[in-house]
Amino acid sequence: MNKPVLVVMAAGMGSRYGGLKQIDPVGPNGEIIIDYSLYDAKKAGFETVIFIIKKEIEKDFKESIGQRIPEGMKAVYVFQNINDLPEGYSVPAERIKPWGTAHAVCAAREVIDSPFAVINADDYYGSDAFKVVYDYLANSKGGDVYDFAMVAYELENTLTENGYVSRGVCLTDANDTLVSVTEHTHIEKDDVWGAKFTEDDGKTWNPLNPDTLVSMNLWGFTADFVKEAWNGFGEFLDNAVVTNPLKGEYYLPSVVSKLIDGGKATVKVLHSADKWYGVTYKEDKPKVVAALKRLHESGVYPDNMWK
């Protein structure tokens, strides 16, 4: 079995944040969030990173991040293209929005030939999260049913004071096996419930427990996942081009849920001792900067992470 690789989804321009937040410094020595993920991933055992980006940001992304890859780590770049569709399909008129996280991973289908972990470029996951997912992938035995994994976080530790977020809400059994994951694209903090979500632009709201486990798109997959995601993309398009042609997105959790429901995969829910941090909005940045400064001061990260 080939060694696990890291896949980084970095095609988004950070529309809610305003600008290319993936290259915005947040650390005390000019570090950006992806520096921490690469450092922690290399320490956990990952030796190859595959960046999924948009062709339009290639120059800025490579100039900023191409020089920051840890020594001994190989970088590969692939491009998410809205026109990358199965044969017989075309992009709906006036659509400019990408097709979502599952489609992003499909963009790497020609270069993924091993187990892989997938992350967002603009989230801080913590070193323990990378260690547990790498160890799981490296020791996976395979079999007739796909053996996947997901690192889960408590919802209250992933919310922002500054707006809404999108999260995959998870249901698990007594053995920490994922039963289902449902993507909610509009979750907010709430003074009464702790958290709430809406599916109709705020006309109605539903409560969520703050300790609900959620996916932050830190998944561990075998290479078979990419094949399954691509094979299921046409079915998604058949529905999306009718119901939501301009904004419908093909999410990782939806592919996972379909494989679970079909008995083709099991997903082990892994728990990390680390706290998640992210910069969804500009107003989130000071909190993240302060947290990372404390981690440097406590010796978790060195002053020069690029050596």
C-alpha atoms as a PDB file:
ATOM      1  CA  MET A   1       0.000   0.000   0.000  1.00  0.00           C
ATOM      2  CA  ASN A   2       1.293   3.470  -0.881  1.00  0.00           C
ATOM      3  CA  LYS A   3       1.828   5.875   2.011  1.00  0.00           C
ATOM      4  CA  PRO A   4      -1.064   8.213   2.866  1.00  0.00           C
ATOM      5  CA  VAL A   5      -1.000  11.639   1.235  1.00  0.00           C
ATOM      6  CA  LEU A   6      -2.573  14.947   2.217  1.00  0.00           C
ATOM      7  CA  VAL A   7      -5.115  16.668  -0.035  1.00  0.00           C
ATOM      8  CA  VAL A   8      -5.721  20.374   0.602  1.00  0.00           C
ATOM      9  CA  MET A   9      -8.854  22.043  -0.784  1.00  0.00           C
ATOM     10  CA  ALA A  10      -7.814  25.608  -1.551  1.00  0.00           C
ATOM     11  CA  ALA A  11      -9.919  26.586  -4.560  1.00  0.00           C
ATOM     12  CA  GLY A  12     -12.122  29.032  -2.632  1.00  0.00           C
ATOM     13  CA  MET A  13     -11.408  32.731  -2.704  1.00  0.00           C
ATOM     14  CA  GLY A  14     -12.965  33.294   0.715  1.00  0.00           C
ATOM     15  CA  SER A  15     -16.064  35.131  -0.485  1.00  0.00           C
ATOM     16  CA  ARG A  16     -17.458  35.785   2.996  1.00  0.00           C
ATOM     17  CA  TYR A  17     -14.012  36.838   4.239  1.00  0.00           C
ATOM     18  CA  GLY A  18     -13.209  39.104   1.320  1.00  0.00           C
ATOM     19  CA  GLY A  19      -9.981  38.186  -0.452  1.00  0.00           C
ATOM     20  CA  LEU A  20      -7.604  35.250  -0.644  1.00  0.00           C
ATOM     21  CA  LYS A  21      -7.641  34.354   3.047  1.00  0.00           C
ATOM     22  CA  GLN A  22      -5.439  31.308   2.498  1.00  0.00           C
ATOM     23  CA  ILE A  23      -2.393  33.606   2.247  1.00  0.00           C
ATOM     24  CA  ASP A  24      -3.304  36.084   4.999  1.00  0.00           C
ATOM     25  CA  PRO A  25      -0.676  36.006   7.822  1.00  0.00           C
ATOM     26  CA  VAL A  26      -2.015  34.911  11.217  1.00  0.00           C
ATOM     27  CA  GLY A  27       1.092  33.698  13.070  1.00  0.00           C
ATOM     28  CA  PRO A  28       3.596  35.776  15.059  1.00  0.00           C
ATOM     29  CA  ASN A  29       6.313  35.290  12.419  1.00  0.00           C
ATOM     30  CA  GLY A  30       4.130  35.818   9.365  1.00  0.00           C
ATOM     31  CA  GLU A  31       2.773  32.263   9.262  1.00  0.00           C
ATOM     32  CA  ILE A  32      -0.421  31.563   7.342  1.00  0.00           C
ATOM     33  CA  ILE A  33      -2.917  28.913   8.432  1.00  0.00           C
ATOM     34  CA  ILE A  34      -1.739  26.348   5.890  1.00  0.00           C
ATOM     35  CA  ASP A  35       1.771  26.528   7.379  1.00  0.00           C
ATOM     36  CA  TYR A  36       0.439  24.922  10.538  1.00  0.00           C
ATOM     37  CA  SER A  37      -1.374  22.193   8.640  1.00  0.00           C
ATOM     38  CA  LEU A  38       1.717  21.373   6.570  1.00  0.00           C
ATOM     39  CA  TYR A  39       3.964  21.392   9.644  1.00  0.00           C
ATOM     40  CA  ASP A  40       1.602  19.158  11.610  1.00  0.00           C
ATOM     41  CA  ALA A  41       0.993  16.854   8.639  1.00  0.00           C
ATOM     42  CA  LYS A  42       4.713  16.389   7.986  1.00  0.00           C
ATOM     43  CA  LYS A  43       5.267  15.664  11.662  1.00  0.00           C
ATOM     44  CA  ALA A  44       2.465  13.062  11.562  1.00  0.00           C
ATOM     45  CA  GLY A  45       4.080  11.250   8.597  1.00  0.00           C
ATOM     46  CA  PHE A  46       2.617  12.774   5.427  1.00  0.00           C
ATOM     47  CA  GLU A  47       5.281  13.240   2.742  1.00  0.00           C
ATOM     48  CA  THR A  48       3.147  14.395  -0.206  1.00  0.00           C
ATOM     49  CA  VAL A  49       0.601  17.212  -0.344  1.00  0.00           C
ATOM     50  CA  ILE A  50      -1.839  17.709  -3.230  1.00  0.00           C
ATOM     51  CA  PHE A  51      -3.209  21.248  -3.487  1.00  0.00           C
ATOM     52  CA  ILE A  52      -6.565  21.704  -5.222  1.00  0.00           C
ATOM     53  CA  ILE A  53      -6.773  25.293  -6.439  1.00  0.00           C
ATOM     54  CA  LYS A  54      -8.414  27.376  -9.130  1.00  0.00           C
ATOM     55  CA  LYS A  55      -6.285  28.155 -12.158  1.00  0.00           C
ATOM     56  CA  GLU A  56      -6.976  31.862 -11.619  1.00  0.00           C
ATOM     57  CA  ILE A  57      -5.113  31.908  -8.289  1.00  0.00           C
ATOM     58  CA  GLU A  58      -2.218  29.676  -9.336  1.00  0.00           C
ATOM     59  CA  LYS A  59       0.415  32.428  -9.480  1.00  0.00           C
ATOM     60  CA  ASP A  60      -0.443  33.996  -6.109  1.00  0.00           C
ATOM     61  CA  PHE A  61      -0.883  30.625  -4.437  1.00  0.00           C
ATOM     62  CA  LYS A  62       2.394  29.153  -5.669  1.00  0.00           C
ATOM     63  CA  GLU A  63       4.357  32.303  -4.900  1.00  0.00           C
ATOM     64  CA  SER A  64       3.015  32.371  -1.370  1.00  0.00           C
ATOM     65  CA  ILE A  65       2.797  28.689  -0.500  1.00  0.00           C
ATOM     66  CA  GLY A  66       5.152  26.981  -2.929  1.00  0.00           C
ATOM     67  CA  GLN A  67       8.107  28.346  -0.968  1.00  0.00           C
ATOM     68  CA  ARG A  68       6.695  27.224   2.387  1.00  0.00           C
ATOM     69  CA  ILE A  69       6.525  23.460   1.852  1.00  0.00           C
ATOM     70  CA  PRO A  70       8.443  21.676   4.646  1.00  0.00           C
ATOM     71  CA  GLU A  71      11.739  20.087   3.641  1.00  0.00           C
ATOM     72  CA  GLY A  72      11.180  16.520   2.496  1.00  0.00           C
ATOM     73  CA  MET A  73       7.553  17.117   1.507  1.00  0.00           C
ATOM     74  CA  LYS A  74       6.500  16.943  -2.152  1.00  0.00           C
ATOM     75  CA  ALA A  75       3.851  19.331  -3.500  1.00  0.00           C
ATOM     76  CA  VAL A  76       1.465  18.573  -6.382  1.00  0.00           C
ATOM     77  CA  TYR A  77      -1.017  21.079  -7.833  1.00  0.00           C
ATOM     78  CA  VAL A  78      -4.321  20.272  -9.544  1.00  0.00           C
ATOM     79  CA  PHE A  79      -7.088  22.608 -10.654  1.00  0.00           C
ATOM     80  CA  GLN A  80     -10.807  22.564  -9.884  1.00  0.00           C
ATOM     81  CA  ASN A  81     -12.593  23.588 -13.062  1.00  0.00           C
ATOM     82  CA  ILE A  82     -16.331  24.278 -13.209  1.00  0.00           C
ATOM     83  CA  ASN A  83     -16.353  22.717 -16.695  1.00  0.00           C
ATOM     84  CA  ASP A  84     -14.898  19.412 -15.455  1.00  0.00           C
ATOM     85  CA  LEU A  85     -18.105  17.390 -15.825  1.00  0.00           C
ATOM     86  CA  PRO A  86     -19.003  13.837 -16.847  1.00  0.00           C
ATOM     87  CA  GLU A  87     -19.621  13.276 -20.534  1.00  0.00           C
ATOM     88  CA  GLY A  88     -22.985  14.565 -21.672  1.00  0.00           C
ATOM     89  CA  TYR A  89     -23.293  17.332 -19.054  1.00  0.00           C
ATOM     90  CA  SER A  90     -22.706  21.084 -19.389  1.00  0.00           C
ATOM     91  CA  VAL A  91     -22.557  24.039 -17.022  1.00  0.00           C
ATOM     92  CA  PRO A  92     -25.944  25.779 -16.617  1.00  0.00           C
ATOM     93  CA  ALA A  93     -26.144  29.231 -18.166  1.00  0.00           C
ATOM     94  CA  GLU A  94     -24.991  32.020 -15.808  1.00  0.00           C
ATOM     95  CA  ARG A  95     -23.502  29.614 -13.242  1.00  0.00           C
ATOM     96  CA  ILE A  96     -20.134  30.818 -11.864  1.00  0.00           C
ATOM     97  CA  LYS A  97     -20.079  29.026  -8.483  1.00  0.00           C
ATOM     98  CA  PRO A  98     -17.815  25.944  -8.167  1.00  0.00           C
ATOM     99  CA  TRP A  99     -19.473  22.550  -7.702  1.00  0.00           C
ATOM    100  CA  GLY A 100     -18.441  21.974  -4.065  1.00  0.00           C
ATOM    101  CA  THR A 101     -16.030  19.942  -1.967  1.00  0.00           C
ATOM    102  CA  ALA A 102     -16.730  16.498  -3.469  1.00  0.00           C
ATOM    103  CA  HIS A 103     -16.149  17.914  -6.943  1.00  0.00           C
ATOM    104  CA  ALA A 104     -12.929  19.527  -5.673  1.00  0.00           C
ATOM    105  CA  VAL A 105     -11.578  16.142  -4.584  1.00  0.00           C
ATOM    106  CA  CYS A 106     -12.580  14.685  -7.948  1.00  0.00           C
ATOM    107  CA  ALA A 107     -10.213  17.209  -9.549  1.00  0.00           C
ATOM    108  CA  ALA A 108      -7.358  15.145  -8.078  1.00  0.00           C
ATOM    109  CA  ARG A 109      -8.612  11.814  -9.429  1.00  0.00           C
ATOM    110  CA  GLU A 110      -5.645  11.416 -11.798  1.00  0.00           C
ATOM    111  CA  VAL A 111      -3.028  11.818  -9.044  1.00  0.00           C
ATOM    112  CA  ILE A 112      -4.567  10.041  -6.029  1.00  0.00           C
ATOM    113  CA  ASP A 113      -3.452   6.411  -5.873  1.00  0.00           C
ATOM    114  CA  SER A 114      -3.170   5.909  -2.111  1.00  0.00           C
ATOM    115  CA  PRO A 115      -5.102   6.530   1.104  1.00  0.00           C
ATOM    116  CA  PHE A 116      -5.480  10.244   1.681  1.00  0.00           C
ATOM    117  CA  ALA A 117      -6.575  12.788   4.232  1.00  0.00           C
ATOM    118  CA  VAL A 118      -8.456  15.819   2.957  1.00  0.00           C
ATOM    119  CA  ILE A 119      -8.618  19.225   4.659  1.00  0.00           C
ATOM    120  CA  ASN A 120      -9.661  22.823   4.050  1.00  0.00           C
ATOM    121  CA  ALA A 121      -6.790  25.226   3.428  1.00  0.00           C
ATOM    122  CA  ASP A 122      -8.213  27.878   5.748  1.00  0.00           C
ATOM    123  CA  ASP A 123      -8.816  25.821   8.904  1.00  0.00           C
ATOM    124  CA  TYR A 124      -6.470  25.079  11.794  1.00  0.00           C
ATOM    125  CA  TYR A 125      -6.942  21.469  12.910  1.00  0.00           C
ATOM    126  CA  GLY A 126      -4.106  20.853  15.410  1.00  0.00           C
ATOM    127  CA  SER A 127      -1.235  18.364  15.393  1.00  0.00           C
ATOM    128  CA  ASP A 128      -3.149  15.592  17.156  1.00  0.00           C
ATOM    129  CA  ALA A 129      -5.813  15.587  14.444  1.00  0.00           C
ATOM    130  CA  PHE A 130      -3.246  14.871  11.736  1.00  0.00           C
ATOM    131  CA  LYS A 131      -1.584  12.175  13.817  1.00  0.00           C
ATOM    132  CA  VAL A 132      -4.780  10.237  14.500  1.00  0.00           C
ATOM    133  CA  VAL A 133      -5.939  10.323  10.876  1.00  0.00           C
ATOM    134  CA  TYR A 134      -2.497   9.412   9.484  1.00  0.00           C
ATOM    135  CA  ASP A 135      -2.149   6.484  11.877  1.00  0.00           C
ATOM    136  CA  TYR A 136      -5.627   5.276  10.980  1.00  0.00           C
ATOM    137  CA  LEU A 137      -4.953   5.410   7.248  1.00  0.00           C
ATOM    138  CA  ALA A 138      -1.510   3.826   7.559  1.00  0.00           C
ATOM    139  CA  ASN A 139      -2.937   0.886   9.495  1.00  0.00           C
ATOM    140  CA  SER A 140      -6.137   0.375   7.512  1.00  0.00           C
ATOM    141  CA  LYS A 141      -6.486  -3.228   6.353  1.00  0.00           C
ATOM    142  CA  GLY A 142      -8.943  -2.718   3.523  1.00  0.00           C
ATOM    143  CA  GLY A 143     -11.649  -5.258   2.665  1.00  0.00           C
ATOM    144  CA  ASP A 144     -14.951  -5.593   0.858  1.00  0.00           C
ATOM    145  CA  VAL A 145     -16.320  -2.478   2.613  1.00  0.00           C
ATOM    146  CA  TYR A 146     -14.452   0.821   2.316  1.00  0.00           C
ATOM    147  CA  ASP A 147     -12.769   1.793   5.582  1.00  0.00           C
ATOM    148  CA  PHE A 148     -12.927   5.584   5.980  1.00  0.00           C
ATOM    149  CA  ALA A 149     -12.360   7.939   8.908  1.00  0.00           C
ATOM    150  CA  MET A 150     -13.314  11.431  10.019  1.00  0.00           C
ATOM    151  CA  VAL A 151     -11.933  13.696  12.736  1.00  0.00           C
ATOM    152  CA  ALA A 152     -14.856  15.259  14.604  1.00  0.00           C
ATOM    153  CA  TYR A 153     -15.112  18.473  16.615  1.00  0.00           C
ATOM    154  CA  GLU A 154     -17.789  19.743  18.972  1.00  0.00           C
ATOM    155  CA  LEU A 155     -20.025  22.285  17.270  1.00  0.00           C
ATOM    156  CA  GLU A 156     -19.611  24.977  19.942  1.00  0.00           C
ATOM    157  CA  ASN A 157     -15.844  24.965  19.310  1.00  0.00           C
ATOM    158  CA  THR A 158     -16.334  25.681  15.610  1.00  0.00           C
ATOM    159  CA  LEU A 159     -18.807  28.571  15.637  1.00  0.00           C
ATOM    160  CA  THR A 160     -18.057  32.251  15.121  1.00  0.00           C
ATOM    161  CA  GLU A 161     -19.514  35.333  16.763  1.00  0.00           C
ATOM    162  CA  ASN A 162     -19.456  37.112  13.427  1.00  0.00           C
ATOM    163  CA  GLY A 163     -21.945  35.314  11.201  1.00  0.00           C
ATOM    164  CA  TYR A 164     -23.038  31.907   9.990  1.00  0.00           C
ATOM    165  CA  VAL A 165     -21.039  28.818   9.073  1.00  0.00           C
ATOM    166  CA  SER A 166     -21.507  25.582   7.137  1.00  0.00           C
ATOM    167  CA  ARG A 167     -20.978  22.313   9.022  1.00  0.00           C
ATOM    168  CA  GLY A 168     -21.575  18.609   8.506  1.00  0.00           C
ATOM    169  CA  VAL A 169     -23.682  17.512  11.502  1.00  0.00           C
ATOM    170  CA  CYS A 170     -22.817  13.947  12.510  1.00  0.00           C
ATOM    171  CA  LEU A 171     -24.744  11.097  14.086  1.00  0.00           C
ATOM    172  CA  THR A 172     -22.652   8.248  15.547  1.00  0.00           C
ATOM    173  CA  ASP A 173     -23.324   4.922  17.222  1.00  0.00           C
ATOM    174  CA  ALA A 174     -21.923   3.572  20.494  1.00  0.00           C
ATOM    175  CA  ASN A 175     -18.761   2.375  18.704  1.00  0.00           C
ATOM    176  CA  ASP A 176     -17.896   5.814  17.278  1.00  0.00           C
ATOM    177  CA  THR A 177     -18.974   4.710  13.829  1.00  0.00           C
ATOM    178  CA  LEU A 178     -20.602   7.366  11.685  1.00  0.00           C
ATOM    179  CA  VAL A 179     -24.293   6.677  11.069  1.00  0.00           C
ATOM    180  CA  SER A 180     -25.007   9.798   9.011  1.00  0.00           C
ATOM    181  CA  VAL A 181     -23.673  13.262   8.262  1.00  0.00           C
ATOM    182  CA  THR A 182     -25.899  16.088   7.107  1.00  0.00           C
ATOM    183  CA  GLU A 183     -24.516  19.275   5.613  1.00  0.00           C
ATOM    184  CA  HIS A 184     -26.140  22.415   7.004  1.00  0.00           C
ATOM    185  CA  THR A 185     -25.006  25.530   5.176  1.00  0.00           C
ATOM    186  CA  HIS A 186     -26.342  28.136   7.639  1.00  0.00           C
ATOM    187  CA  ILE A 187     -25.594  27.544  11.352  1.00  0.00           C
ATOM    188  CA  GLU A 188     -25.376  30.355  13.909  1.00  0.00           C
ATOM    189  CA  LYS A 189     -24.816  30.762  17.626  1.00  0.00           C
ATOM    190  CA  ASP A 190     -27.989  31.230  19.660  1.00  0.00           C
ATOM    191  CA  ASP A 191     -28.453  32.626  23.181  1.00  0.00           C
ATOM    192  CA  VAL A 192     -31.242  30.162  24.034  1.00  0.00           C
ATOM    193  CA  TRP A 193     -30.401  26.949  22.185  1.00  0.00           C
ATOM    194  CA  GLY A 194     -26.654  27.408  21.974  1.00  0.00           C
ATOM    195  CA  ALA A 195     -26.804  26.922  18.199  1.00  0.00           C
ATOM    196  CA  LYS A 196     -29.408  26.876  15.461  1.00  0.00           C
ATOM    197  CA  PHE A 197     -29.709  26.266  11.733  1.00  0.00           C
ATOM    198  CA  THR A 198     -32.022  27.358   8.944  1.00  0.00           C
ATOM    199  CA  GLU A 199     -32.780  25.795   5.585  1.00  0.00           C
ATOM    200  CA  ASP A 200     -35.043  28.552   4.245  1.00  0.00           C
ATOM    201  CA  ASP A 201     -32.930  31.710   4.582  1.00  0.00           C
ATOM    202  CA  GLY A 202     -34.000  32.418   8.165  1.00  0.00           C
ATOM    203  CA  LYS A 203     -37.756  32.043   7.821  1.00  0.00           C
ATOM    204  CA  THR A 204     -37.642  29.155  10.311  1.00  0.00           C
ATOM    205  CA  TRP A 205     -34.937  27.944  12.696  1.00  0.00           C
ATOM    206  CA  ASN A 206     -34.101  24.584  14.259  1.00  0.00           C
ATOM    207  CA  PRO A 207     -32.053  24.032  17.453  1.00  0.00           C
ATOM    208  CA  LEU A 208     -28.691  22.264  17.632  1.00  0.00           C
ATOM    209  CA  ASN A 209     -26.944  21.104  20.802  1.00  0.00           C
ATOM    210  CA  PRO A 210     -23.594  22.856  21.260  1.00  0.00           C
ATOM    211  CA  ASP A 211     -21.866  19.509  21.900  1.00  0.00           C
ATOM    212  CA  THR A 212     -23.100  18.041  18.612  1.00  0.00           C
ATOM    213  CA  LEU A 213     -20.235  16.439  16.672  1.00  0.00           C
ATOM    214  CA  VAL A 214     -19.535  18.079  13.339  1.00  0.00           C
ATOM    215  CA  SER A 215     -17.264  17.500  10.395  1.00  0.00           C
ATOM    216  CA  MET A 216     -14.746  20.208   9.542  1.00  0.00           C
ATOM    217  CA  ASN A 217     -13.756  18.404   6.332  1.00  0.00           C
ATOM    218  CA  LEU A 218     -10.892  16.470   7.891  1.00  0.00           C
ATOM    219  CA  TRP A 219     -11.579  13.089   6.328  1.00  0.00           C
ATOM    220  CA  GLY A 220      -9.503   9.966   5.793  1.00  0.00           C
ATOM    221  CA  PHE A 221     -10.335   8.045   2.609  1.00  0.00           C
ATOM    222  CA  THR A 222      -8.987   5.248   0.480  1.00  0.00           C
ATOM    223  CA  ALA A 223      -8.383   6.007  -3.193  1.00  0.00           C
ATOM    224  CA  ASP A 224     -11.696   4.269  -3.947  1.00  0.00           C
ATOM    225  CA  PHE A 225     -13.536   7.301  -2.601  1.00  0.00           C
ATOM    226  CA  VAL A 226     -12.500   9.447  -5.567  1.00  0.00           C
ATOM    227  CA  LYS A 227     -13.863   6.875  -8.004  1.00  0.00           C
ATOM    228  CA  GLU A 228     -17.150   6.679  -6.103  1.00  0.00           C
ATOM    229  CA  ALA A 229     -17.466  10.473  -5.921  1.00  0.00           C
ATOM    230  CA  TRP A 230     -16.892  10.886  -9.653  1.00  0.00           C
ATOM    231  CA  ASN A 231     -19.274   8.070 -10.520  1.00  0.00           C
ATOM    232  CA  GLY A 232     -21.987   9.707  -8.388  1.00  0.00           C
ATOM    233  CA  PHE A 233     -21.479  13.199  -9.770  1.00  0.00           C
ATOM    234  CA  GLY A 234     -23.819  12.680 -12.711  1.00  0.00           C
ATOM    235  CA  GLU A 235     -26.692  11.711 -10.399  1.00  0.00           C
ATOM    236  CA  PHE A 236     -26.072  14.862  -8.382  1.00  0.00           C
ATOM    237  CA  LEU A 237     -26.110  16.968 -11.560  1.00  0.00           C
ATOM    238  CA  ASP A 238     -29.370  15.417 -12.720  1.00  0.00           C
ATOM    239  CA  ASN A 239     -31.010  16.852  -9.615  1.00  0.00           C
ATOM    240  CA  ALA A 240     -29.018  20.067  -9.187  1.00  0.00           C
ATOM    241  CA  VAL A 241     -29.486  21.446 -12.686  1.00  0.00           C
ATOM    242  CA  VAL A 242     -33.241  21.225 -12.133  1.00  0.00           C
ATOM    243  CA  THR A 243     -33.605  22.306  -8.496  1.00  0.00           C
ATOM    244  CA  ASN A 244     -30.656  24.672  -7.952  1.00  0.00           C
ATOM    245  CA  PRO A 245     -28.699  25.196 -11.180  1.00  0.00           C
ATOM    246  CA  LEU A 246     -26.744  28.265 -10.061  1.00  0.00           C
ATOM    247  CA  LYS A 247     -25.806  27.329  -6.489  1.00  0.00           C
ATOM    248  CA  GLY A 248     -26.208  23.558  -5.964  1.00  0.00           C
ATOM    249  CA  GLU A 249     -23.031  22.012  -4.531  1.00  0.00           C
ATOM    250  CA  TYR A 250     -21.728  18.447  -4.414  1.00  0.00           C
ATOM    251  CA  TYR A 251     -20.536  17.984  -0.826  1.00  0.00           C
ATOM    252  CA  LEU A 252     -18.192  15.384   0.640  1.00  0.00           C
ATOM    253  CA  PRO A 253     -20.711  14.471   3.386  1.00  0.00           C
ATOM    254  CA  SER A 254     -23.384  13.668   0.794  1.00  0.00           C
ATOM    255  CA  VAL A 255     -21.079  11.186  -0.949  1.00  0.00           C
ATOM    256  CA  VAL A 256     -20.101   9.643   2.388  1.00  0.00           C
ATOM    257  CA  SER A 257     -23.733   9.319   3.478  1.00  0.00           C
ATOM    258  CA  LYS A 258     -24.708   7.606   0.238  1.00  0.00           C
ATOM    259  CA  LEU A 259     -21.882   5.074   0.613  1.00  0.00           C
ATOM    260  CA  ILE A 260     -22.850   4.388   4.232  1.00  0.00           C
ATOM    261  CA  ASP A 261     -26.516   3.980   3.339  1.00  0.00           C
ATOM    262  CA  GLY A 262     -25.590   1.611   0.537  1.00  0.00           C
ATOM    263  CA  GLY A 263     -23.476  -0.560   2.812  1.00  0.00           C
ATOM    264  CA  LYS A 264     -20.351   0.216   0.782  1.00  0.00           C
ATOM    265  CA  ALA A 265     -18.424   2.089   3.482  1.00  0.00           C
ATOM    266  CA  THR A 266     -17.961   2.510   7.209  1.00  0.00           C
ATOM    267  CA  VAL A 267     -16.525   5.660   8.748  1.00  0.00           C
ATOM    268  CA  LYS A 268     -14.674   5.625  12.059  1.00  0.00           C
ATOM    269  CA  VAL A 269     -15.126   8.881  13.955  1.00  0.00           C
ATOM    270  CA  LEU A 270     -11.800   9.945  15.449  1.00  0.00           C
ATOM    271  CA  HIS A 271     -11.517  12.457  18.242  1.00  0.00           C
ATOM    272  CA  SER A 272      -8.795  15.073  18.491  1.00  0.00           C
ATOM    273  CA  ALA A 273      -7.558  16.654  21.695  1.00  0.00           C
ATOM    274  CA  ASP A 274      -6.906  19.880  19.803  1.00  0.00           C
ATOM    275  CA  LYS A 275      -9.173  22.877  19.324  1.00  0.00           C
ATOM    276  CA  TRP A 276     -10.233  23.889  15.824  1.00  0.00           C
ATOM    277  CA  TYR A 277      -9.677  27.480  14.663  1.00  0.00           C
ATOM    278  CA  GLY A 278     -10.807  29.116  11.460  1.00  0.00           C
ATOM    279  CA  VAL A 279     -11.103  32.513   9.810  1.00  0.00           C
ATOM    280  CA  THR A 280     -14.499  32.581   8.137  1.00  0.00           C
ATOM    281  CA  TYR A 281     -14.858  36.351   8.512  1.00  0.00           C
ATOM    282  CA  LYS A 282     -12.279  39.121   8.894  1.00  0.00           C
ATOM    283  CA  GLU A 283     -13.557  39.708  12.429  1.00  0.00           C
ATOM    284  CA  ASP A 284     -12.478  36.156  13.366  1.00  0.00           C
ATOM    285  CA  LYS A 285      -8.814  36.878  12.717  1.00  0.00           C
ATOM    286  CA  PRO A 286      -7.794  38.506  16.066  1.00  0.00           C
ATOM    287  CA  LYS A 287      -8.997  35.462  18.035  1.00  0.00           C
ATOM    288  CA  VAL A 288      -7.036  33.102  15.795  1.00  0.00           C
ATOM    289  CA  VAL A 289      -3.927  35.297  15.947  1.00  0.00           C
ATOM    290  CA  ALA A 290      -4.031  35.305  19.762  1.00  0.00           C
ATOM    291  CA  ALA A 291      -4.501  31.529  19.954  1.00  0.00           C
ATOM    292  CA  LEU A 292      -1.597  30.801  17.606  1.00  0.00           C
ATOM    293  CA  LYS A 293       0.637  33.226  19.483  1.00  0.00           C
ATOM    294  CA  ARG A 294      -0.025  31.240  22.678  1.00  0.00           C
ATOM    295  CA  LEU A 295       0.860  27.998  20.904  1.00  0.00           C
ATOM    296  CA  HIS A 296       4.193  29.456  19.795  1.00  0.00           C
ATOM    297  CA  GLU A 297       4.920  30.791  23.265  1.00  0.00           C
ATOM    298  CA  SER A 298       4.199  27.385  24.821  1.00  0.00           C
ATOM    299  CA  GLY A 299       6.621  25.668  22.433  1.00  0.00           C
ATOM    300  CA  VAL A 300       4.078  23.800  20.294  1.00  0.00           C
ATOM    301  CA  TYR A 301       5.449  25.546  17.201  1.00  0.00           C
ATOM    302  CA  PRO A 302       8.972  26.889  16.520  1.00  0.00           C
ATOM    303  CA  ASP A 303       9.723  30.399  15.291  1.00  0.00           C
ATOM    304  CA  ASN A 304      10.826  29.028  11.930  1.00  0.00           C
ATOM    305  CA  MET A 305       8.391  26.379  10.742  1.00  0.00           C
ATOM    306  CA  TRP A 306       9.792  26.130   7.217  1.00  0.00           C
ATOM    307  CA  LYS A 307      13.030  24.283   8.068  1.00  0.00           C
END
